[in-house]
Amino acid sequence: MPREDRFFELYNRHAETVVQGAHALRELLKGGSGVADAAQQIYAFENQADDIARDVLLLVRCSFITPFDRSDIKDLINTLDDTIDQMKKTAKAVLLFEVTTIEPEMAAMGDQIVKAANLTVEAIKLVSSMRENVTRLHTIAEEIIHLEEDSDMLSDQGIKALYKKHRDGNAMNYIVGIEIYDHLEKVMDRFEDVANRISGIVIEQV
C-alpha cells in the first residue's frame, strides 16, 4: 500500500495560514483605527486554519499507511492550530476591552510572533524530509525557544511600565494591559509547543 503523503501539503497550508494570522496580529498591535479590520482578518485566517486541521484529522482516519505515528500527526496539527487559536483570543480581548492604544512592548512582541511564525513555516516544510534536515530543525526549535524567552522579558518590561504609568491613575487600564500581555505570551508559548512537538517527532523518526 502506498504511503499517504498529503499530510505534508496540509501542514504547509496550515503553517502559511498561521503566518498570515501573525502578520494580521502585528497590524492589530499597531493600534488606532485599523484594530477592528485586523481582528477580522485574524478571525478569517483562524477559520481557514480550522478547516485545514479538520482535513488532517479526517485524512488520519481514512489512511492505511501514514508518514509517521498517527498520534504524532494529530498532535502536531492540533498544536499548530493552537497558535492561531490563541491569536484569535488575543484579538478578541483587544476588541472586547476596546483597546486602541498599544504599548511599545506589545508591538515588539508582535514582531517576535511574526518571526516565530516564519520559523515555524520553515520547519513544517522540512518535516517531509526530516532525515536530511535534522540539524536545521533542531536549530529552528532553539531559535523559537529564544524568541519565547525574549517575549517573556518584553512582557515583564511592559507590565512594569504599565504599573508605573497607572499606579496613581486608572487601575482598569492596568488590568486590561496585563490581560493583553498574557494573551501575547500564550501565543509565543504555543509556538514553543510546536517546536517541541516537531523536535519530538524528529527524535522518534531519525
N, C-alpha and C. Protein backbone atom coordinates (compact mmCIF):
# COMPACT_ATOMS: atom_id res chain seq x y z
N MET A 1 0.84 -1.19 0.00
CA MET A 1 0.00 0.00 0.00
C MET A 1 0.88 1.25 0.00
N PRO A 2 0.53 2.26 -0.81
CA PRO A 2 1.33 3.49 -0.84
C PRO A 2 1.14 4.29 0.44
N ARG A 3 2.19 5.04 0.79
CA ARG A 3 2.12 5.89 1.98
C ARG A 3 1.34 7.16 1.64
N GLU A 4 0.50 7.61 2.56
CA GLU A 4 -0.28 8.82 2.35
C GLU A 4 0.57 10.05 2.71
N ASP A 5 0.91 10.83 1.69
CA ASP A 5 1.79 11.99 1.91
C ASP A 5 1.07 13.33 1.79
N ARG A 6 -0.26 13.30 1.66
CA ARG A 6 -0.99 14.56 1.57
C ARG A 6 -0.94 15.35 2.88
N PHE A 7 -0.55 14.67 3.96
CA PHE A 7 -0.43 15.38 5.23
C PHE A 7 0.52 16.56 5.12
N PHE A 8 1.61 16.37 4.41
CA PHE A 8 2.62 17.43 4.33
C PHE A 8 2.08 18.66 3.62
N GLU A 9 1.30 18.45 2.56
CA GLU A 9 0.68 19.58 1.87
C GLU A 9 -0.26 20.34 2.80
N LEU A 10 -1.04 19.59 3.58
CA LEU A 10 -1.98 20.22 4.51
C LEU A 10 -1.25 20.96 5.62
N TYR A 11 -0.19 20.35 6.15
CA TYR A 11 0.62 21.03 7.16
C TYR A 11 1.17 22.34 6.63
N ASN A 12 1.68 22.32 5.39
CA ASN A 12 2.26 23.52 4.80
C ASN A 12 1.21 24.62 4.63
N ARG A 13 0.02 24.22 4.18
CA ARG A 13 -1.07 25.20 4.03
C ARG A 13 -1.46 25.80 5.37
N HIS A 14 -1.52 24.96 6.38
CA HIS A 14 -1.89 25.45 7.70
C HIS A 14 -0.83 26.42 8.23
N ALA A 15 0.45 26.05 8.09
CA ALA A 15 1.52 26.90 8.58
C ALA A 15 1.53 28.25 7.87
N GLU A 16 1.26 28.25 6.56
CA GLU A 16 1.20 29.51 5.82
C GLU A 16 0.04 30.37 6.34
N THR A 17 -1.06 29.74 6.70
CA THR A 17 -2.19 30.48 7.26
C THR A 17 -1.83 31.07 8.62
N VAL A 18 -1.06 30.33 9.40
CA VAL A 18 -0.58 30.85 10.69
C VAL A 18 0.28 32.10 10.48
N VAL A 19 1.14 32.07 9.47
CA VAL A 19 1.97 33.24 9.17
C VAL A 19 1.09 34.44 8.82
N GLN A 20 0.06 34.20 8.01
CA GLN A 20 -0.85 35.30 7.66
C GLN A 20 -1.54 35.84 8.91
N GLY A 21 -1.93 34.94 9.80
CA GLY A 21 -2.54 35.37 11.05
C GLY A 21 -1.58 36.19 11.89
N ALA A 22 -0.31 35.80 11.91
CA ALA A 22 0.69 36.53 12.69
C ALA A 22 0.89 37.94 12.14
N HIS A 23 0.91 38.07 10.81
CA HIS A 23 1.04 39.40 10.21
C HIS A 23 -0.18 40.27 10.53
N ALA A 24 -1.36 39.66 10.51
CA ALA A 24 -2.57 40.42 10.87
C ALA A 24 -2.53 40.84 12.34
N LEU A 25 -2.00 39.96 13.20
CA LEU A 25 -1.88 40.31 14.61
C LEU A 25 -0.91 41.49 14.80
N ARG A 26 0.18 41.47 14.05
CA ARG A 26 1.11 42.59 14.14
C ARG A 26 0.44 43.89 13.68
N GLU A 27 -0.39 43.82 12.65
CA GLU A 27 -1.13 45.01 12.23
C GLU A 27 -2.06 45.49 13.33
N LEU A 28 -2.73 44.54 13.98
CA LEU A 28 -3.62 44.88 15.08
C LEU A 28 -2.86 45.61 16.19
N LEU A 29 -1.61 45.16 16.42
CA LEU A 29 -0.80 45.73 17.50
C LEU A 29 -0.18 47.07 17.13
N LYS A 30 -0.56 47.61 15.98
CA LYS A 30 -0.20 49.00 15.66
C LYS A 30 -1.22 49.96 16.27
N GLY A 31 -2.37 49.38 16.66
CA GLY A 31 -3.40 50.19 17.31
C GLY A 31 -4.14 51.10 16.34
N GLY A 32 -4.84 52.07 16.89
CA GLY A 32 -5.54 53.04 16.07
C GLY A 32 -6.80 52.50 15.41
N SER A 33 -7.15 53.11 14.29
CA SER A 33 -8.42 52.79 13.64
C SER A 33 -8.40 51.45 12.90
N GLY A 34 -7.21 50.86 12.72
CA GLY A 34 -7.13 49.60 11.98
C GLY A 34 -7.31 48.35 12.82
N VAL A 35 -7.55 48.52 14.11
CA VAL A 35 -7.65 47.37 15.01
C VAL A 35 -8.78 46.42 14.61
N ALA A 36 -9.96 46.95 14.35
CA ALA A 36 -11.12 46.11 14.05
C ALA A 36 -10.91 45.31 12.76
N ASP A 37 -10.38 45.97 11.72
CA ASP A 37 -10.15 45.27 10.45
C ASP A 37 -9.11 44.16 10.62
N ALA A 38 -8.05 44.44 11.37
CA ALA A 38 -7.02 43.42 11.60
C ALA A 38 -7.59 42.25 12.38
N ALA A 39 -8.45 42.53 13.34
CA ALA A 39 -9.07 41.46 14.12
C ALA A 39 -9.92 40.57 13.22
N GLN A 40 -10.66 41.18 12.32
CA GLN A 40 -11.49 40.39 11.41
C GLN A 40 -10.65 39.50 10.50
N GLN A 41 -9.50 40.00 10.11
CA GLN A 41 -8.58 39.18 9.30
C GLN A 41 -8.09 37.97 10.11
N ILE A 42 -7.76 38.21 11.36
CA ILE A 42 -7.32 37.09 12.22
C ILE A 42 -8.42 36.05 12.35
N TYR A 43 -9.65 36.51 12.54
CA TYR A 43 -10.78 35.58 12.64
C TYR A 43 -10.90 34.74 11.36
N ALA A 44 -10.75 35.41 10.21
CA ALA A 44 -10.89 34.69 8.93
C ALA A 44 -9.78 33.66 8.76
N PHE A 45 -8.55 34.03 9.09
CA PHE A 45 -7.44 33.08 8.97
C PHE A 45 -7.60 31.91 9.96
N GLU A 46 -8.13 32.21 11.14
CA GLU A 46 -8.35 31.14 12.12
C GLU A 46 -9.39 30.14 11.60
N ASN A 47 -10.42 30.64 10.94
CA ASN A 47 -11.43 29.74 10.35
C ASN A 47 -10.82 28.87 9.26
N GLN A 48 -9.97 29.47 8.41
CA GLN A 48 -9.30 28.69 7.36
C GLN A 48 -8.42 27.60 7.98
N ALA A 49 -7.70 27.97 9.04
CA ALA A 49 -6.82 27.01 9.70
C ALA A 49 -7.62 25.86 10.31
N ASP A 50 -8.77 26.17 10.88
CA ASP A 50 -9.62 25.12 11.45
C ASP A 50 -10.06 24.13 10.38
N ASP A 51 -10.41 24.65 9.20
CA ASP A 51 -10.82 23.77 8.10
C ASP A 51 -9.69 22.82 7.70
N ILE A 52 -8.48 23.35 7.63
CA ILE A 52 -7.33 22.51 7.26
C ILE A 52 -7.05 21.48 8.34
N ALA A 53 -7.15 21.89 9.60
CA ALA A 53 -6.92 20.96 10.70
C ALA A 53 -7.93 19.81 10.65
N ARG A 54 -9.17 20.13 10.34
CA ARG A 54 -10.18 19.07 10.21
C ARG A 54 -9.86 18.12 9.07
N ASP A 55 -9.35 18.66 7.97
CA ASP A 55 -8.96 17.81 6.84
C ASP A 55 -7.86 16.83 7.24
N VAL A 56 -6.90 17.32 8.04
CA VAL A 56 -5.83 16.44 8.50
C VAL A 56 -6.39 15.31 9.35
N LEU A 57 -7.27 15.64 10.28
CA LEU A 57 -7.83 14.62 11.18
C LEU A 57 -8.69 13.61 10.42
N LEU A 58 -9.40 14.08 9.40
CA LEU A 58 -10.17 13.16 8.56
C LEU A 58 -9.26 12.25 7.77
N LEU A 59 -8.15 12.79 7.27
CA LEU A 59 -7.20 12.01 6.49
C LEU A 59 -6.54 10.94 7.34
N VAL A 60 -6.30 11.24 8.60
CA VAL A 60 -5.73 10.24 9.51
C VAL A 60 -6.66 9.03 9.61
N ARG A 61 -7.95 9.31 9.68
CA ARG A 61 -8.92 8.23 9.86
C ARG A 61 -9.05 7.32 8.64
N CYS A 62 -8.82 7.87 7.45
CA CYS A 62 -9.03 7.07 6.25
C CYS A 62 -7.73 6.63 5.57
N SER A 63 -6.59 6.88 6.23
CA SER A 63 -5.30 6.49 5.65
C SER A 63 -4.84 5.16 6.24
N PHE A 64 -4.33 4.30 5.35
CA PHE A 64 -3.83 3.00 5.81
C PHE A 64 -2.39 3.09 6.30
N ILE A 65 -1.54 3.76 5.51
CA ILE A 65 -0.14 3.94 5.88
C ILE A 65 0.15 5.44 5.97
N THR A 66 0.62 5.88 7.14
CA THR A 66 0.91 7.29 7.38
C THR A 66 2.42 7.51 7.45
N PRO A 67 2.89 8.75 7.18
CA PRO A 67 4.34 9.01 7.15
C PRO A 67 5.02 8.85 8.52
N PHE A 68 4.27 9.08 9.58
CA PHE A 68 4.76 8.78 10.93
C PHE A 68 3.57 8.49 11.82
N ASP A 69 3.81 8.27 13.09
CA ASP A 69 2.78 7.79 14.01
C ASP A 69 1.51 8.65 13.96
N ARG A 70 0.36 7.99 13.96
CA ARG A 70 -0.92 8.71 13.87
C ARG A 70 -1.11 9.70 15.00
N SER A 71 -0.74 9.31 16.20
CA SER A 71 -0.90 10.22 17.34
C SER A 71 -0.03 11.46 17.17
N ASP A 72 1.17 11.30 16.60
CA ASP A 72 2.05 12.44 16.34
C ASP A 72 1.46 13.36 15.26
N ILE A 73 0.85 12.75 14.24
CA ILE A 73 0.21 13.54 13.19
C ILE A 73 -0.89 14.42 13.78
N LYS A 74 -1.72 13.82 14.64
CA LYS A 74 -2.81 14.57 15.26
C LYS A 74 -2.28 15.62 16.24
N ASP A 75 -1.29 15.24 17.02
CA ASP A 75 -0.74 16.19 17.99
C ASP A 75 -0.12 17.39 17.30
N LEU A 76 0.59 17.15 16.20
CA LEU A 76 1.25 18.25 15.51
C LEU A 76 0.25 19.23 14.93
N ILE A 77 -0.81 18.74 14.28
CA ILE A 77 -1.77 19.68 13.70
C ILE A 77 -2.56 20.40 14.78
N ASN A 78 -2.86 19.70 15.88
CA ASN A 78 -3.59 20.35 16.97
C ASN A 78 -2.73 21.42 17.64
N THR A 79 -1.44 21.12 17.82
CA THR A 79 -0.54 22.10 18.43
C THR A 79 -0.34 23.30 17.52
N LEU A 80 -0.22 23.02 16.22
CA LEU A 80 -0.09 24.11 15.24
C LEU A 80 -1.35 24.97 15.24
N ASP A 81 -2.50 24.34 15.33
CA ASP A 81 -3.77 25.07 15.31
C ASP A 81 -3.93 25.92 16.56
N ASP A 82 -3.34 25.47 17.67
CA ASP A 82 -3.43 26.24 18.91
C ASP A 82 -2.79 27.61 18.78
N THR A 83 -1.78 27.75 17.90
CA THR A 83 -1.10 29.04 17.76
C THR A 83 -2.07 30.10 17.23
N ILE A 84 -2.81 29.76 16.19
CA ILE A 84 -3.71 30.76 15.60
C ILE A 84 -4.98 30.89 16.43
N ASP A 85 -5.36 29.84 17.16
CA ASP A 85 -6.48 29.96 18.09
C ASP A 85 -6.16 31.01 19.15
N GLN A 86 -4.91 31.00 19.63
CA GLN A 86 -4.52 31.97 20.65
C GLN A 86 -4.42 33.38 20.08
N MET A 87 -4.04 33.49 18.80
CA MET A 87 -4.07 34.80 18.15
C MET A 87 -5.49 35.35 18.13
N LYS A 88 -6.45 34.48 17.83
CA LYS A 88 -7.84 34.91 17.82
C LYS A 88 -8.29 35.37 19.20
N LYS A 89 -7.88 34.64 20.24
CA LYS A 89 -8.24 35.04 21.61
C LYS A 89 -7.64 36.39 21.95
N THR A 90 -6.44 36.64 21.47
CA THR A 90 -5.79 37.94 21.70
C THR A 90 -6.59 39.05 21.03
N ALA A 91 -6.95 38.83 19.76
CA ALA A 91 -7.72 39.84 19.03
C ALA A 91 -9.07 40.07 19.69
N LYS A 92 -9.68 38.99 20.17
CA LYS A 92 -10.98 39.11 20.83
C LYS A 92 -10.88 39.96 22.08
N ALA A 93 -9.79 39.77 22.86
CA ALA A 93 -9.60 40.56 24.08
C ALA A 93 -9.40 42.04 23.75
N VAL A 94 -8.62 42.31 22.70
CA VAL A 94 -8.38 43.71 22.30
C VAL A 94 -9.68 44.38 21.91
N LEU A 95 -10.53 43.67 21.16
CA LEU A 95 -11.82 44.23 20.76
C LEU A 95 -12.75 44.37 21.96
N LEU A 96 -12.78 43.36 22.82
CA LEU A 96 -13.69 43.35 23.97
C LEU A 96 -13.43 44.54 24.88
N PHE A 97 -12.15 44.82 25.11
CA PHE A 97 -11.79 45.92 26.02
C PHE A 97 -11.58 47.24 25.27
N GLU A 98 -11.88 47.25 23.98
CA GLU A 98 -11.82 48.46 23.16
C GLU A 98 -10.45 49.13 23.25
N VAL A 99 -9.41 48.30 23.13
CA VAL A 99 -8.04 48.80 23.20
C VAL A 99 -7.62 49.32 21.83
N THR A 100 -7.24 50.57 21.76
CA THR A 100 -6.74 51.13 20.50
C THR A 100 -5.33 51.73 20.67
N THR A 101 -4.93 51.96 21.91
CA THR A 101 -3.58 52.45 22.19
C THR A 101 -2.73 51.27 22.65
N ILE A 102 -1.76 50.92 21.85
CA ILE A 102 -0.94 49.72 22.09
C ILE A 102 0.40 50.13 22.68
N GLU A 103 0.81 49.45 23.74
CA GLU A 103 2.09 49.75 24.38
C GLU A 103 3.25 49.28 23.48
N PRO A 104 4.39 49.96 23.54
CA PRO A 104 5.53 49.60 22.68
C PRO A 104 5.97 48.14 22.84
N GLU A 105 5.94 47.64 24.07
CA GLU A 105 6.36 46.25 24.30
C GLU A 105 5.38 45.26 23.67
N MET A 106 4.12 45.61 23.61
CA MET A 106 3.13 44.75 22.94
C MET A 106 3.44 44.66 21.45
N ALA A 107 3.74 45.81 20.85
CA ALA A 107 4.08 45.82 19.43
C ALA A 107 5.35 45.02 19.17
N ALA A 108 6.32 45.13 20.08
CA ALA A 108 7.57 44.37 19.93
C ALA A 108 7.29 42.87 20.04
N MET A 109 6.38 42.48 20.91
CA MET A 109 6.01 41.06 21.00
C MET A 109 5.34 40.59 19.70
N GLY A 110 4.60 41.49 19.06
CA GLY A 110 4.01 41.17 17.76
C GLY A 110 5.08 40.86 16.73
N ASP A 111 6.18 41.62 16.75
CA ASP A 111 7.30 41.35 15.85
C ASP A 111 7.91 39.97 16.13
N GLN A 112 8.04 39.62 17.40
CA GLN A 112 8.59 38.32 17.78
C GLN A 112 7.68 37.18 17.32
N ILE A 113 6.38 37.42 17.40
CA ILE A 113 5.42 36.40 16.96
C ILE A 113 5.53 36.15 15.46
N VAL A 114 5.72 37.22 14.68
CA VAL A 114 5.89 37.05 13.23
C VAL A 114 7.16 36.24 12.95
N LYS A 115 8.24 36.54 13.67
CA LYS A 115 9.49 35.78 13.49
C LYS A 115 9.27 34.30 13.81
N ALA A 116 8.56 34.03 14.91
CA ALA A 116 8.30 32.65 15.30
C ALA A 116 7.44 31.94 14.25
N ALA A 117 6.47 32.66 13.69
CA ALA A 117 5.62 32.07 12.65
C ALA A 117 6.43 31.72 11.40
N ASN A 118 7.33 32.62 11.01
CA ASN A 118 8.16 32.37 9.83
C ASN A 118 9.08 31.17 10.05
N LEU A 119 9.64 31.05 11.25
CA LEU A 119 10.47 29.89 11.56
C LEU A 119 9.65 28.61 11.57
N THR A 120 8.43 28.72 12.05
CA THR A 120 7.55 27.54 12.11
C THR A 120 7.21 27.04 10.71
N VAL A 121 6.89 27.95 9.80
CA VAL A 121 6.56 27.52 8.45
C VAL A 121 7.77 26.88 7.77
N GLU A 122 8.96 27.38 8.07
CA GLU A 122 10.18 26.76 7.54
C GLU A 122 10.33 25.34 8.08
N ALA A 123 10.12 25.19 9.38
CA ALA A 123 10.25 23.86 10.00
C ALA A 123 9.23 22.88 9.43
N ILE A 124 8.00 23.33 9.28
CA ILE A 124 6.95 22.45 8.75
C ILE A 124 7.31 21.97 7.35
N LYS A 125 7.89 22.84 6.53
CA LYS A 125 8.28 22.44 5.18
C LYS A 125 9.37 21.38 5.18
N LEU A 126 10.16 21.34 6.25
CA LEU A 126 11.27 20.38 6.33
C LEU A 126 10.85 19.05 6.94
N VAL A 127 9.65 18.99 7.51
CA VAL A 127 9.21 17.75 8.18
C VAL A 127 9.13 16.58 7.20
N SER A 128 8.77 16.86 5.94
CA SER A 128 8.63 15.77 4.96
C SER A 128 9.98 15.15 4.61
N SER A 129 11.06 15.87 4.88
CA SER A 129 12.40 15.33 4.62
C SER A 129 13.27 15.52 5.87
N MET A 130 12.72 15.13 7.00
CA MET A 130 13.38 15.43 8.27
C MET A 130 14.74 14.77 8.43
N ARG A 131 14.94 13.59 7.84
CA ARG A 131 16.22 12.90 7.98
C ARG A 131 17.36 13.72 7.39
N GLU A 132 17.07 14.45 6.30
CA GLU A 132 18.10 15.27 5.67
C GLU A 132 18.23 16.64 6.32
N ASN A 133 17.32 16.97 7.24
CA ASN A 133 17.28 18.33 7.79
C ASN A 133 17.24 18.35 9.32
N VAL A 134 17.81 17.32 9.92
CA VAL A 134 17.78 17.21 11.39
C VAL A 134 18.42 18.43 12.05
N THR A 135 19.60 18.81 11.58
CA THR A 135 20.34 19.91 12.21
C THR A 135 19.56 21.21 12.12
N ARG A 136 19.02 21.51 10.94
CA ARG A 136 18.27 22.75 10.77
C ARG A 136 17.00 22.74 11.63
N LEU A 137 16.32 21.61 11.71
CA LEU A 137 15.11 21.53 12.52
C LEU A 137 15.41 21.78 14.00
N HIS A 138 16.50 21.22 14.50
CA HIS A 138 16.87 21.47 15.89
C HIS A 138 17.25 22.93 16.10
N THR A 139 17.92 23.52 15.10
CA THR A 139 18.30 24.93 15.20
C THR A 139 17.07 25.84 15.24
N ILE A 140 16.09 25.53 14.40
CA ILE A 140 14.84 26.31 14.39
C ILE A 140 14.16 26.23 15.74
N ALA A 141 14.11 25.02 16.32
CA ALA A 141 13.48 24.85 17.63
C ALA A 141 14.16 25.73 18.67
N GLU A 142 15.49 25.76 18.64
CA GLU A 142 16.24 26.58 19.58
C GLU A 142 15.96 28.06 19.37
N GLU A 143 15.86 28.48 18.10
CA GLU A 143 15.59 29.88 17.81
C GLU A 143 14.21 30.30 18.31
N ILE A 144 13.23 29.42 18.15
CA ILE A 144 11.88 29.72 18.63
C ILE A 144 11.86 29.81 20.16
N ILE A 145 12.58 28.92 20.81
CA ILE A 145 12.67 28.96 22.28
C ILE A 145 13.29 30.27 22.74
N HIS A 146 14.33 30.73 22.05
CA HIS A 146 14.96 32.02 22.39
C HIS A 146 13.98 33.18 22.19
N LEU A 147 13.20 33.11 21.11
CA LEU A 147 12.20 34.15 20.87
C LEU A 147 11.16 34.18 21.99
N GLU A 148 10.78 33.00 22.44
CA GLU A 148 9.80 32.92 23.54
C GLU A 148 10.37 33.53 24.81
N GLU A 149 11.64 33.26 25.08
CA GLU A 149 12.30 33.83 26.26
C GLU A 149 12.38 35.36 26.15
N ASP A 150 12.71 35.84 24.95
CA ASP A 150 12.77 37.29 24.74
C ASP A 150 11.40 37.93 24.93
N SER A 151 10.36 37.23 24.47
CA SER A 151 9.00 37.75 24.63
C SER A 151 8.59 37.81 26.09
N ASP A 152 9.02 36.83 26.86
CA ASP A 152 8.76 36.86 28.30
C ASP A 152 9.36 38.12 28.93
N MET A 153 10.58 38.44 28.52
CA MET A 153 11.25 39.63 29.06
C MET A 153 10.51 40.90 28.63
N LEU A 154 10.07 40.94 27.38
CA LEU A 154 9.30 42.09 26.90
C LEU A 154 8.01 42.24 27.70
N SER A 155 7.36 41.12 27.98
CA SER A 155 6.12 41.16 28.76
C SER A 155 6.38 41.70 30.16
N ASP A 156 7.44 41.23 30.79
CA ASP A 156 7.78 41.71 32.14
C ASP A 156 8.07 43.21 32.12
N GLN A 157 8.83 43.65 31.11
CA GLN A 157 9.14 45.08 30.99
C GLN A 157 7.87 45.90 30.76
N GLY A 158 6.99 45.35 29.91
CA GLY A 158 5.75 46.06 29.61
C GLY A 158 4.84 46.18 30.82
N ILE A 159 4.74 45.09 31.59
CA ILE A 159 3.89 45.12 32.78
C ILE A 159 4.43 46.11 33.81
N LYS A 160 5.76 46.14 33.96
CA LYS A 160 6.37 47.09 34.89
C LYS A 160 6.09 48.52 34.44
N ALA A 161 6.20 48.77 33.13
CA ALA A 161 5.92 50.12 32.60
C ALA A 161 4.45 50.49 32.82
N LEU A 162 3.57 49.51 32.65
CA LEU A 162 2.14 49.75 32.89
C LEU A 162 1.88 50.14 34.34
N TYR A 163 2.55 49.42 35.24
CA TYR A 163 2.37 49.71 36.67
C TYR A 163 2.80 51.14 36.99
N LYS A 164 3.95 51.54 36.47
CA LYS A 164 4.43 52.89 36.73
C LYS A 164 3.49 53.93 36.12
N LYS A 165 2.92 53.59 34.98
CA LYS A 165 2.05 54.52 34.27
C LYS A 165 0.71 54.71 34.97
N HIS A 166 0.20 53.61 35.58
CA HIS A 166 -1.17 53.65 36.10
C HIS A 166 -1.28 53.49 37.62
N ARG A 167 -0.16 53.44 38.33
CA ARG A 167 -0.25 53.18 39.78
C ARG A 167 -0.99 54.28 40.54
N ASP A 168 -0.97 55.49 40.00
CA ASP A 168 -1.71 56.58 40.65
C ASP A 168 -2.91 57.01 39.80
N GLY A 169 -3.26 56.17 38.85
CA GLY A 169 -4.34 56.56 37.94
C GLY A 169 -5.38 55.48 37.73
N ASN A 170 -5.56 55.06 36.47
CA ASN A 170 -6.64 54.16 36.07
C ASN A 170 -6.22 52.70 36.25
N ALA A 171 -6.72 52.08 37.32
CA ALA A 171 -6.38 50.68 37.59
C ALA A 171 -6.93 49.75 36.53
N MET A 172 -8.08 50.09 35.95
CA MET A 172 -8.68 49.22 34.92
C MET A 172 -7.78 49.12 33.69
N ASN A 173 -7.17 50.21 33.29
CA ASN A 173 -6.25 50.16 32.15
C ASN A 173 -5.06 49.26 32.43
N TYR A 174 -4.61 49.27 33.67
CA TYR A 174 -3.52 48.37 34.08
C TYR A 174 -3.96 46.91 33.97
N ILE A 175 -5.15 46.61 34.46
CA ILE A 175 -5.67 45.23 34.42
C ILE A 175 -5.85 44.76 32.98
N VAL A 176 -6.40 45.63 32.14
CA VAL A 176 -6.59 45.28 30.72
C VAL A 176 -5.26 45.05 30.05
N GLY A 177 -4.29 45.89 30.34
CA GLY A 177 -2.95 45.73 29.76
C GLY A 177 -2.33 44.40 30.12
N ILE A 178 -2.46 44.01 31.38
CA ILE A 178 -1.93 42.72 31.82
C ILE A 178 -2.61 41.58 31.06
N GLU A 179 -3.90 41.71 30.83
CA GLU A 179 -4.64 40.68 30.08
C GLU A 179 -4.09 40.53 28.66
N ILE A 180 -3.82 41.63 28.01
CA ILE A 180 -3.28 41.58 26.65
C ILE A 180 -1.90 40.96 26.64
N TYR A 181 -1.06 41.35 27.59
CA TYR A 181 0.28 40.76 27.68
C TYR A 181 0.19 39.24 27.90
N ASP A 182 -0.74 38.83 28.73
CA ASP A 182 -0.90 37.40 29.00
C ASP A 182 -1.26 36.64 27.72
N HIS A 183 -2.16 37.20 26.92
CA HIS A 183 -2.55 36.55 25.66
C HIS A 183 -1.36 36.47 24.70
N LEU A 184 -0.60 37.56 24.61
CA LEU A 184 0.55 37.56 23.70
C LEU A 184 1.61 36.56 24.14
N GLU A 185 1.83 36.46 25.44
CA GLU A 185 2.76 35.45 25.95
C GLU A 185 2.32 34.05 25.57
N LYS A 186 1.02 33.82 25.66
CA LYS A 186 0.49 32.49 25.34
C LYS A 186 0.64 32.16 23.85
N VAL A 187 0.56 33.17 22.99
CA VAL A 187 0.80 32.93 21.56
C VAL A 187 2.21 32.38 21.38
N MET A 188 3.18 33.03 22.02
CA MET A 188 4.57 32.57 21.90
C MET A 188 4.76 31.20 22.54
N ASP A 189 4.05 30.95 23.63
CA ASP A 189 4.12 29.62 24.26
C ASP A 189 3.64 28.54 23.31
N ARG A 190 2.61 28.84 22.53
CA ARG A 190 2.07 27.85 21.59
C ARG A 190 3.08 27.56 20.47
N PHE A 191 3.82 28.59 20.03
CA PHE A 191 4.86 28.35 19.03
C PHE A 191 5.98 27.48 19.61
N GLU A 192 6.30 27.70 20.86
CA GLU A 192 7.29 26.85 21.51
C GLU A 192 6.79 25.40 21.59
N ASP A 193 5.49 25.23 21.84
CA ASP A 193 4.90 23.88 21.86
C ASP A 193 5.07 23.19 20.51
N VAL A 194 4.85 23.94 19.42
CA VAL A 194 5.03 23.36 18.08
C VAL A 194 6.48 22.94 17.87
N ALA A 195 7.40 23.80 18.25
CA ALA A 195 8.82 23.49 18.09
C ALA A 195 9.19 22.23 18.86
N ASN A 196 8.68 22.11 20.09
CA ASN A 196 8.97 20.93 20.89
C ASN A 196 8.33 19.67 20.31
N ARG A 197 7.13 19.84 19.74
CA ARG A 197 6.46 18.68 19.13
C ARG A 197 7.23 18.18 17.91
N ILE A 198 7.70 19.11 17.08
CA ILE A 198 8.49 18.72 15.91
C ILE A 198 9.79 18.05 16.35
N SER A 199 10.44 18.60 17.36
CA SER A 199 11.68 18.01 17.86
C SER A 199 11.44 16.57 18.35
N GLY A 200 10.31 16.38 19.02
CA GLY A 200 9.97 15.04 19.49
C GLY A 200 9.77 14.05 18.35
N ILE A 201 9.11 14.50 17.29
CA ILE A 201 8.90 13.63 16.13
C ILE A 201 10.22 13.29 15.47
N VAL A 202 11.09 14.29 15.35
CA VAL A 202 12.42 14.05 14.74
C VAL A 202 13.18 13.02 15.54
N ILE A 203 13.17 13.14 16.85
CA ILE A 203 13.89 12.19 17.71
C ILE A 203 13.36 10.77 17.53
N GLU A 204 12.03 10.65 17.39
CA GLU A 204 11.42 9.33 17.23
C GLU A 204 11.70 8.72 15.86
N GLN A 205 11.78 9.57 14.84
CA GLN A 205 11.83 9.07 13.47
C GLN A 205 13.24 8.89 12.92
N VAL A 206 14.20 9.64 13.46
CA VAL A 206 15.54 9.65 12.85
C VAL A 206 16.47 8.76 13.64
